[in-house]
Amino acid sequence: MLPLDGLLVIALEQAVAGPICTQRLADAGARVIKVERAGGETARHYDSVVKGTSAYFAWLNRGKESTELNIKESEDRALLERMVAKADVFVRNIAPGATGRLGLDAKELCEKYPRLICVDIAGYDPGSSYASRLAYDMLIQAESGICAVTGTPEDAVKVGVSMADVTSGATAHTAILEALIERGITGKGKAIQISMFDTMADMMCVPLLHYDYGERETPRMGLAHSIIAPYGKYSCSDGDVVIVCQQHAEWLRFSEGILQQPELIKDPRFITNADRVANNAELSEIIADICKTMTREQLIEKLDANKLPWANVSTVPDLSSHPALRRIEIDTPGGKANVTASPLRDEIKQGPVPISGEHTAQIRAEFKE
């Protein structure tokens, strides 16, 4: 038995933030009914790379049921509310103001159905002057300052995956689990508002605190770190290795065992982490001069011998064959495919990725008047 067996989730969702939230719920046993427009939601049409299904859709929609409804039309709108009336959780990530125009205000629904947990994922807090703005992942990354601290000194870049969407969906998942625990105590559901901007602003808290209290803007550092040194990519004679000394004891072992310059431990430029950050250019030059005299294998052997952390700069092909990568097999409309395993649990509710509207007739019959 899975922990969310028997839970009914209605998902008025599209793209990434809503679907990743409800996928986590489905994996844990919940019944998730995905409400789509005729022809299917946005992410179905990005590409067809996974045996005819888009990569995003295959990733985020296993184990769900799909119904196609036109909720702007009164009959389907009434059907949706009958579904919501029986639901434990109602998740929405659609255009700003759309739920209000459809008569699906979260607080009103929770008053009407007291055990309902109604979750809205939006770009900005509804009380913000930005509330009506459309919000896509890249726009939120840029607006929140993530791009200002990501990239090289010359170029600001976005994170290469949908960080704002994924983090917001994961935050919504956490909020739902908290609300289910609270409902178990009080018997009452609640309306929950998750702002993508809030989730990214929270990720930016350390750079923000450095600016507000240290009058310092966090620079873009590539694979280096703005407040820890040594930390970054170093070149050997045949490739690169990422080296990190996050603890002072690691710095001591690194100086003695890798650099073989124990005198650096008492060098005024490098005594504390703050000293090393202030003099990182000189420290990086010292490290680079040592690393280039070794092959990757030689450096890694020394790092391991001194119990020091390191990493490869993996490519996507490297990830595809990585010994630590866990995969699961799923069914798609075009056949079986391998996707990344759930990071939350080994045992999941197995279920195929649905065809758009595959369960419409069944759901109309189940939730008829």
Foldseek 3Di string as FASTA:
>chain_A
DFPLAPAEEEEAEAQFQRLQLVQVSQFRHYAYEYEAAVPGHDQQPPDLPFLGGHPRLQFRFFRYHFAHADLVDPVRVVLVLLSQLPHQEYEYEDAQPPCVVSVNDPQVSCVVRFNHAYEYEAADDCVDPCRRPHDAQVNLCVVLCVQQQADALVGGDGPPDSVLSNQQSVVRNVVSVVQVVVCVVVVGGHYYYTHSNVSSNVVCVVQVCCCVPVVDHRHHHHQQGQQFPPFGWEAEQAGIKTFGDRDPVLVQLCCCQQLVNNVQCVPQCRVDRNSCSVVVVVVNVSNNVRRHDHDPVVNVVSCVVSVGDMDHPDDVVCQVPPPPFAWDWAAEPSGIDIDGDDPPDDRTDHGHSDDHNPCNVVSCVVSPD
